Structure formats: C-alpha cells, structure tokens
Amino acid sequence: MKRILLILLILVIVVAVPLTAGGEKEAETTEKVIRIADLVPNLITPGVWDGQAHSVNSSIYEYLIEMNPATGEIEPVLAKEWSTTDGKKWVFILQEGVTFHDGSSFDSADVKFSIERTQDSSLGHLKKQEFEVVQSVEAVDSHTVVVTLKEKRPTFIYQLMDYNMAMLSSEYDYAKLGESNPMGTGPFKVNKYIPKESIVLEKNPSYWNPALPKVDKLFIYLVADKEASVSMLGDGRVDVVPFITPIIQQRLKNQEGINVISPYQEHRYVSMNVDEKPWNDNRVRLALKYAMDPYVIAKSIAQMELDKGVEYNETPLLNIHAQYKDIPLRTRNIEGQIITR
C-alpha cells in the first residue's frame, strides 16, 4: 500500500551485494533493493492474518481505501470514489485498469467476494462480527459496487481499512494457495518464498499506478526476535526494521547511521457494552474510569511515562485520525465524589 511504501522508500539503497536468507553474499547487481527484517507471521492470508510481517502483506495486497498518516484523511486506493447519503447505503466506484498478479482483472465481483467472504463459516474470518452488519453487496457493473447495511453506520468506511480486509480475487483459491503463494493487486509480487524464513518480492510490472514502485525488489527476512532484527540493522545486514517498540526507539534515535522514521504505535482499550448490565449504568462506567490510573497504565504497558511517547484518552480513535477529539485527562479519584458528565 502507498503509505507503507512511502515509509520504506525513505531508506532506498542501491545494494551491490544483497544477502540471501542466511546472510551470504550473492553476485553483484545494480537492482534497487530494500532489505527488511520483519516478524515471523503465523498466517498471512487476509481474513486470518495475525498482523505480523506487514512489509509482506502491505506490498502484495491492497485495500479499497487507506488513511493518510500525516493528515488522518481517508484516501483512495482501489476505490477512487465512495459516497453515502444515509450511512446505510454505500456506493464505491473502482479504479480501472487494475490487474491481479496472475493477470486477471480486478472488478466489482472481487469486492463483492472479499466482503461476503467475511461471513464464510468455514474460514473463521477475524472480521466476521464487524461485517455482520452488511445486508447485501451488489455489483452494479464491473466498476460500481453498492453495499447496503442492516442499519445506519456512518463509520462503516473505517472497517474497510482493517488489515484483514484486503481485496482478493474471486477466481483465486486462497484456501489452497494463500499461505504458499499469496497473490493480490499490490506493487510487488512473490518471487521466492520460504515460509517462516524469508520472502523475495519483485516489482509488479503491470502495477496500475505507473509512479510506483520505485525499487526492484524487497528482501524480507522473517525474524522471531525483535532485538535480533535490530542487531541486523546495526550490522548493516538489513535496511529497515518496521514497528520497533518505544524503548528500542529511545535507544536508537541518536545512534549514528540509523534514522527512526515512525515510532511504533499500538492501540489498547477497554470496551464496555452499554447495552448490557452493568455497563448500561453510566455510574458503573464512571466508577471504572475513575478507578484506573492513567500514569500507572502507561508505565506498566509501555514502560514509558504518560505524555512521553504514550497517549491516554477516552476516545476509541487514535490521535492520527482526523476525527480524533482530545478529551481532558480524567485522573484517578477513588475517594472523591464522581461527577457525571
């Protein structure tokens, strides 16, 4: 996806001696290559993907839309336009001239398949519950899709950005080939894959955006330990280590030759179902909020001080979202009177 590529391309290097999975030198080449040390995933097929090895899936697959990390605004990817008048009926107009890595065309049938696939009971799709709100998906024509929901949901558009909602081919057998030969519409396609060890992705010559990609190959080494990946970075064996922890970020930020582009960000929250007891009582919800100490939570979860790399808020949205609202900090107050607000 574009946002991932933008992060990686800052560190583009013309590598004369790329490494194999074991670290041996290969024959010299003038190819533009990025070497990445990423985490070992359990599963990589969208729908059951565990979220590890983002550099792999974000290069192979694409989504209807994405969020610009700088502005928090939603931007087009495979859907060039979208609209809703009531939050219940959503219309998507798709990009034209997009093909999958196997040469087949991307169209509205693939969007219909990808959304309806969430309800396949044999798959165990991780987004099944969220997409139960979908009443129907209609392929009006080859590049127009209408999604009708069972109820109004103005935030439905955000569900389509979940990392397990990549657009898949309706003609490809992902149950059989998804783990051994992943295939999407992305800027890179699989050249060589050794599960749990390494993957080589090569430039997709038929990519729909002629400005991308800007490199020829991605050499991705799947490493179980984050500290081992950071050691590979320090030794010059890789160029990128994605999603480092805040502690590692602090350690590396002043190290010569290493540039921390974007610190690791993880979202954790407590969810209360206000339709069920006891959470339907606002006094109970307030009691829980006042019982929690945000300073202790920040220190115990991230090993960092509040406001020094850790944000705490009562909104479920990350602060990179345009719709984020900064709510005044509610500090712990067990003894004092609870004020309803």
Protein backbone atom coordinates (compact mmCIF):
# COMPACT_ATOMS: atom_id res chain seq x y z
CA MET A 1 0.00 0.00 0.00
CA LYS A 2 1.08 3.54 -0.67
CA ARG A 3 1.51 4.58 2.94
CA ILE A 4 3.80 1.65 3.65
CA LEU A 5 5.81 2.27 0.53
CA LEU A 6 6.33 5.88 1.50
CA ILE A 7 7.89 4.77 4.77
CA LEU A 8 10.14 2.25 3.11
CA LEU A 9 11.25 4.39 0.21
CA ILE A 10 12.91 6.89 2.50
CA LEU A 11 15.53 4.22 3.11
CA VAL A 12 16.01 3.10 -0.51
CA ILE A 13 19.56 1.91 -1.13
CA VAL A 14 21.12 0.59 -4.34
CA VAL A 15 22.51 -2.65 -2.99
CA ALA A 16 25.52 -4.08 -4.76
CA VAL A 17 25.76 -7.20 -2.58
CA PRO A 18 22.26 -8.31 -1.47
CA LEU A 19 22.01 -11.07 1.10
CA THR A 20 20.34 -14.44 0.94
CA ALA A 21 18.20 -15.63 3.83
CA GLY A 22 21.30 -16.93 5.55
CA GLY A 23 23.26 -13.73 5.07
CA GLU A 24 25.68 -14.92 2.38
CA LYS A 25 26.73 -12.52 -0.36
CA GLU A 26 25.27 -13.00 -3.79
CA ALA A 27 26.51 -11.89 -7.20
CA GLU A 28 26.76 -8.13 -7.71
CA THR A 29 23.72 -6.38 -9.12
CA THR A 30 22.56 -2.86 -9.80
CA GLU A 31 19.00 -3.59 -8.80
CA LYS A 32 17.40 -1.26 -6.32
CA VAL A 33 16.73 -3.44 -3.30
CA ILE A 34 15.42 -2.87 0.21
CA ARG A 35 16.32 -5.44 2.86
CA ILE A 36 13.82 -5.76 5.71
CA ALA A 37 13.83 -7.74 8.95
CA ASP A 38 10.21 -8.38 9.89
CA LEU A 39 8.41 -10.59 12.40
CA VAL A 40 7.53 -14.22 11.69
CA PRO A 41 3.80 -14.50 10.93
CA ASN A 42 1.62 -17.45 11.84
CA LEU A 43 -0.77 -16.97 8.91
CA ILE A 44 -0.56 -14.42 6.11
CA THR A 45 -3.82 -14.96 4.20
CA PRO A 46 -6.08 -11.89 4.64
CA GLY A 47 -9.00 -12.75 6.86
CA VAL A 48 -6.94 -14.98 9.15
CA TRP A 49 -3.72 -12.93 9.10
CA ASP A 50 -2.29 -12.35 12.57
CA GLY A 51 -0.96 -8.89 11.72
CA GLN A 52 2.73 -9.80 11.69
CA ALA A 53 5.01 -9.23 8.68
CA HIS A 54 3.29 -6.06 7.50
CA SER A 55 6.03 -5.49 4.96
CA VAL A 56 4.92 -8.68 3.17
CA ASN A 57 1.14 -8.22 3.04
CA SER A 58 1.16 -4.45 2.55
CA SER A 59 3.32 -4.94 -0.55
CA ILE A 60 1.30 -7.80 -2.06
CA TYR A 61 -2.26 -6.74 -1.24
CA GLU A 62 -4.25 -3.52 -1.46
CA TYR A 63 -7.42 -2.10 0.04
CA LEU A 64 -10.32 -0.05 -1.24
CA ILE A 65 -9.16 2.94 0.78
CA GLU A 66 -6.39 3.96 3.15
CA MET A 67 -5.66 6.64 5.71
CA ASN A 68 -3.03 9.28 5.16
CA PRO A 69 -0.91 9.06 8.34
CA ALA A 70 0.09 12.73 8.07
CA THR A 71 -3.39 14.22 7.73
CA GLY A 72 -5.66 11.48 9.09
CA GLU A 73 -7.80 11.80 5.97
CA ILE A 74 -9.18 8.82 4.02
CA GLU A 75 -7.63 8.49 0.57
CA PRO A 76 -8.50 6.33 -2.47
CA VAL A 77 -6.67 3.15 -3.41
CA LEU A 78 -8.69 0.55 -5.34
CA ALA A 79 -11.83 2.60 -4.83
CA LYS A 80 -11.38 6.00 -6.48
CA GLU A 81 -14.69 7.35 -5.18
CA TRP A 82 -17.22 6.45 -2.48
CA SER A 83 -20.36 8.06 -1.11
CA THR A 84 -23.31 7.59 1.23
CA THR A 85 -26.35 9.76 1.87
CA ASP A 86 -27.64 7.99 4.96
CA GLY A 87 -24.80 5.85 6.35
CA LYS A 88 -26.70 2.72 5.32
CA LYS A 89 -26.21 2.53 1.55
CA TRP A 90 -22.59 2.92 0.36
CA VAL A 91 -21.57 3.32 -3.28
CA PHE A 92 -17.99 2.60 -4.41
CA ILE A 93 -16.54 3.47 -7.82
CA LEU A 94 -13.46 1.35 -8.54
CA GLN A 95 -10.18 2.14 -10.27
CA GLU A 96 -9.99 0.89 -13.85
CA GLY A 97 -7.10 -0.98 -15.42
CA VAL A 98 -6.15 -2.82 -12.21
CA THR A 99 -4.98 -6.42 -12.52
CA PHE A 100 -4.03 -9.14 -10.07
CA HIS A 101 -0.58 -10.70 -10.16
CA ASP A 102 -1.96 -13.69 -12.09
CA GLY A 103 -3.13 -11.34 -14.87
CA SER A 104 -6.85 -11.40 -14.09
CA SER A 105 -8.73 -8.09 -13.90
CA PHE A 106 -9.83 -6.52 -10.64
CA ASP A 107 -13.52 -5.58 -10.71
CA SER A 108 -16.67 -5.32 -8.63
CA ALA A 109 -17.04 -9.12 -8.40
CA ASP A 110 -13.80 -9.21 -6.40
CA VAL A 111 -15.04 -6.56 -3.96
CA LYS A 112 -18.29 -8.48 -3.51
CA PHE A 113 -16.30 -11.67 -2.90
CA SER A 114 -13.92 -10.03 -0.43
CA ILE A 115 -16.71 -8.56 1.70
CA GLU A 116 -19.02 -11.60 1.59
CA ARG A 117 -16.01 -13.82 2.41
CA THR A 118 -16.07 -12.37 5.94
CA GLN A 119 -19.19 -14.45 6.64
CA ASP A 120 -17.76 -17.77 5.38
CA SER A 121 -18.19 -20.01 8.43
CA SER A 122 -15.51 -22.41 7.22
CA LEU A 123 -12.89 -19.65 7.10
CA GLY A 124 -13.06 -18.20 10.59
CA HIS A 125 -12.62 -14.66 9.29
CA LEU A 126 -11.37 -12.33 12.04
CA LYS A 127 -13.74 -9.56 10.90
CA LYS A 128 -16.87 -11.73 10.77
CA GLN A 129 -18.65 -9.97 13.61
CA GLU A 130 -17.92 -6.45 12.34
CA PHE A 131 -19.25 -7.26 8.86
CA GLU A 132 -22.44 -8.97 10.02
CA VAL A 133 -23.97 -5.52 9.60
CA VAL A 134 -23.76 -5.96 5.80
CA GLN A 135 -27.16 -6.83 4.34
CA SER A 136 -26.11 -7.10 0.69
CA VAL A 137 -23.28 -6.39 -1.74
CA GLU A 138 -24.35 -5.63 -5.31
CA ALA A 139 -22.01 -5.49 -8.30
CA VAL A 140 -23.98 -2.91 -10.32
CA ASP A 141 -21.45 -3.02 -13.15
CA SER A 142 -17.81 -4.00 -13.49
CA HIS A 143 -16.59 -0.95 -11.57
CA THR A 144 -19.53 0.02 -9.34
CA VAL A 145 -20.35 -1.67 -6.04
CA VAL A 146 -23.26 -0.91 -3.71
CA VAL A 147 -23.02 -2.12 -0.12
CA THR A 148 -26.26 -1.96 1.86
CA LEU A 149 -26.14 -2.28 5.64
CA LYS A 150 -28.80 -3.55 8.03
CA GLU A 151 -28.58 -0.30 9.96
CA LYS A 152 -27.09 3.15 9.58
CA ARG A 153 -23.38 3.13 10.32
CA PRO A 154 -21.51 6.30 9.33
CA THR A 155 -18.24 4.73 10.50
CA PHE A 156 -18.56 1.70 8.20
CA ILE A 157 -15.92 3.16 5.87
CA TYR A 158 -13.28 2.66 8.59
CA GLN A 159 -13.99 -1.08 8.74
CA LEU A 160 -12.68 -1.40 5.18
CA MET A 161 -9.23 -0.22 6.30
CA ASP A 162 -8.69 -3.13 8.67
CA TYR A 163 -5.56 -5.07 7.67
CA ASN A 164 -7.62 -8.23 7.14
CA MET A 165 -9.85 -6.51 4.56
CA ALA A 166 -7.50 -6.58 1.57
CA MET A 167 -9.24 -7.01 -1.77
CA LEU A 168 -8.86 -10.57 -3.08
CA SER A 169 -9.53 -12.24 -6.41
CA SER A 170 -12.84 -14.08 -6.64
CA GLU A 171 -11.15 -16.54 -9.03
CA TYR A 172 -8.15 -17.48 -6.87
CA ASP A 173 -8.05 -20.39 -4.41
CA TYR A 174 -6.79 -18.65 -1.26
CA ALA A 175 -7.73 -21.62 0.91
CA LYS A 176 -5.19 -23.72 -1.01
CA LEU A 177 -2.64 -21.12 -2.15
CA GLY A 178 -2.95 -18.19 0.25
CA GLU A 179 -0.17 -19.34 2.55
CA SER A 180 2.24 -20.69 -0.09
CA ASN A 181 1.69 -18.27 -2.98
CA PRO A 182 -0.03 -15.07 -1.79
CA MET A 183 -1.48 -13.02 -4.66
CA GLY A 184 -3.07 -9.59 -4.85
CA THR A 185 -3.02 -6.33 -6.82
CA GLY A 186 -0.11 -4.72 -4.95
CA PRO A 187 3.08 -3.10 -6.29
CA PHE A 188 5.13 -6.24 -5.52
CA LYS A 189 4.56 -9.91 -6.26
CA VAL A 190 6.16 -13.07 -4.91
CA ASN A 191 9.45 -14.14 -6.45
CA LYS A 192 10.57 -16.68 -3.84
CA TYR A 193 9.02 -17.66 -0.54
CA ILE A 194 10.42 -19.87 2.22
CA PRO A 195 7.69 -19.95 4.91
CA LYS A 196 8.78 -18.74 8.36
CA GLU A 197 12.21 -17.81 6.94
CA SER A 198 12.28 -15.30 4.08
CA ILE A 199 10.45 -13.92 1.09
CA VAL A 200 11.68 -12.10 -2.00
CA LEU A 201 9.18 -9.74 -3.62
CA GLU A 202 9.79 -8.33 -7.07
CA LYS A 203 8.41 -5.25 -8.79
CA ASN A 204 4.99 -5.74 -10.35
CA PRO A 205 5.49 -4.64 -13.99
CA SER A 206 1.72 -4.35 -14.51
CA TYR A 207 1.01 -2.21 -11.46
CA TRP A 208 -1.86 0.21 -12.08
CA ASN A 209 -0.03 3.26 -10.68
CA PRO A 210 2.87 3.97 -13.08
CA ALA A 211 4.69 6.06 -10.46
CA LEU A 212 5.15 3.04 -8.18
CA PRO A 213 7.00 1.05 -7.08
CA LYS A 214 10.36 2.83 -7.13
CA VAL A 215 12.51 -0.18 -6.25
CA ASP A 216 13.03 -3.52 -7.96
CA LYS A 217 12.91 -5.97 -5.07
CA LEU A 218 12.21 -6.38 -1.38
CA PHE A 219 14.31 -8.93 0.51
CA ILE A 220 12.31 -9.71 3.66
CA TYR A 221 13.83 -11.85 6.41
CA LEU A 222 11.36 -13.24 8.91
CA VAL A 223 12.95 -12.99 12.34
CA ALA A 224 11.25 -14.15 15.53
CA ASP A 225 13.05 -11.79 17.89
CA LYS A 226 12.83 -8.00 17.53
CA GLU A 227 16.20 -7.48 19.20
CA ALA A 228 17.78 -9.82 16.64
CA SER A 229 16.25 -7.70 13.88
CA VAL A 230 17.68 -4.54 15.43
CA SER A 231 21.10 -6.23 15.59
CA MET A 232 20.83 -6.99 11.87
CA LEU A 233 20.11 -3.31 11.29
CA GLY A 234 23.11 -2.25 13.34
CA ASP A 235 25.38 -4.67 11.47
CA GLY A 236 24.22 -3.39 8.10
CA ARG A 237 22.59 -6.66 7.09
CA VAL A 238 19.18 -5.01 6.61
CA ASP A 239 17.99 -1.50 5.82
CA VAL A 240 14.61 -1.45 7.60
CA VAL A 241 13.16 -2.84 10.82
CA PRO A 242 9.44 -1.95 10.97
CA PHE A 243 7.38 -1.41 14.11
CA ILE A 244 10.00 -1.07 16.81
CA THR A 245 8.92 -0.62 20.40
CA PRO A 246 9.11 2.78 22.18
CA ILE A 247 12.00 1.51 24.29
CA ILE A 248 14.01 0.48 21.22
CA GLN A 249 13.14 3.80 19.62
CA GLN A 250 14.68 5.69 22.53
CA ARG A 251 17.81 3.56 22.28
CA LEU A 252 18.23 4.07 18.55
CA LYS A 253 17.14 7.65 17.99
CA ASN A 254 20.63 9.11 18.49
CA GLN A 255 22.60 6.22 17.00
CA GLU A 256 24.68 7.30 14.03
CA GLY A 257 23.58 5.88 10.69
CA ILE A 258 20.10 4.90 11.90
CA ASN A 259 17.03 7.03 11.27
CA VAL A 260 13.86 6.32 13.23
CA ILE A 261 11.20 7.41 10.76
CA SER A 262 7.99 6.48 12.54
CA PRO A 263 7.82 5.16 16.10
CA TYR A 264 5.80 2.06 16.92
CA GLN A 265 2.19 2.80 17.76
CA GLU A 266 -0.20 0.34 19.36
CA HIS A 267 -3.79 0.92 20.38
CA ARG A 268 -5.15 -0.74 23.53
CA TYR A 269 -8.50 -0.01 25.09
CA VAL A 270 -11.18 -1.22 27.48
CA SER A 271 -14.52 -1.78 25.74
CA MET A 272 -17.82 -1.58 27.63
CA ASN A 273 -21.05 -2.87 26.10
CA VAL A 274 -23.54 -0.18 27.08
CA ASP A 275 -26.48 -2.37 26.01
CA GLU A 276 -25.87 -4.89 28.78
CA LYS A 277 -25.67 -4.77 32.57
CA PRO A 278 -23.81 -3.41 34.42
CA TRP A 279 -22.34 -1.17 31.70
CA ASN A 280 -25.72 0.33 30.79
CA ASP A 281 -25.43 2.28 34.04
CA ASN A 282 -23.28 5.36 33.49
CA ARG A 283 -22.33 5.39 37.19
CA VAL A 284 -20.67 2.00 36.75
CA ARG A 285 -18.78 3.22 33.70
CA LEU A 286 -17.62 6.30 35.57
CA ALA A 287 -16.56 4.21 38.56
CA LEU A 288 -14.28 2.14 36.33
CA LYS A 289 -12.83 5.23 34.68
CA TYR A 290 -12.07 6.91 37.99
CA ALA A 291 -10.57 3.70 39.39
CA MET A 292 -7.96 3.50 36.63
CA ASP A 293 -4.70 5.40 36.98
CA PRO A 294 -3.50 6.50 33.51
CA TYR A 295 0.04 7.08 34.77
CA VAL A 296 0.33 3.53 36.13
CA ILE A 297 -1.25 2.09 32.98
CA ALA A 298 1.21 3.92 30.73
CA LYS A 299 4.18 2.76 32.79
CA SER A 300 3.06 -0.88 33.06
CA ILE A 301 2.03 -1.35 29.43
CA ALA A 302 4.63 0.69 27.54
CA GLN A 303 7.32 1.15 30.20
CA MET A 304 7.15 4.86 29.44
CA GLU A 305 5.79 7.93 31.17
CA LEU A 306 2.45 9.44 30.16
CA ASP A 307 2.88 12.17 27.52
CA LYS A 308 6.42 10.97 26.83
CA GLY A 309 5.62 8.61 24.00
CA VAL A 310 2.29 7.38 25.39
CA GLU A 311 -1.11 8.97 24.75
CA TYR A 312 -4.10 8.31 27.02
CA ASN A 313 -7.64 9.27 26.12
CA GLU A 314 -11.21 8.07 26.47
CA THR A 315 -11.90 8.17 22.74
CA PRO A 316 -11.55 4.87 20.83
CA LEU A 317 -9.85 6.67 17.95
CA LEU A 318 -6.10 7.04 17.56
CA ASN A 319 -4.79 10.58 17.53
CA ILE A 320 -3.70 10.18 13.89
CA HIS A 321 -7.35 10.11 12.82
CA ALA A 322 -8.94 13.33 11.59
CA GLN A 323 -11.99 12.58 13.79
CA TYR A 324 -9.90 12.29 16.97
CA LYS A 325 -11.08 14.51 19.81
CA ASP A 326 -8.79 15.33 22.70
CA ILE A 327 -10.74 14.81 25.93
CA PRO A 328 -9.35 16.31 29.16
CA LEU A 329 -7.49 13.73 31.25
CA ARG A 330 -9.58 12.04 33.93
CA THR A 331 -7.14 11.20 36.73
CA ARG A 332 -7.73 8.53 39.34
CA ASN A 333 -10.24 9.56 42.02
CA ILE A 334 -11.50 6.68 44.15
CA GLU A 335 -12.21 8.63 47.34
CA GLY A 336 -13.67 11.74 45.77
CA GLN A 337 -17.16 12.35 44.51
CA ILE A 338 -17.86 11.10 40.97
CA ILE A 339 -19.17 13.87 38.78
CA THR A 340 -21.40 12.79 35.91
CA ARG A 341 -20.53 14.22 32.54
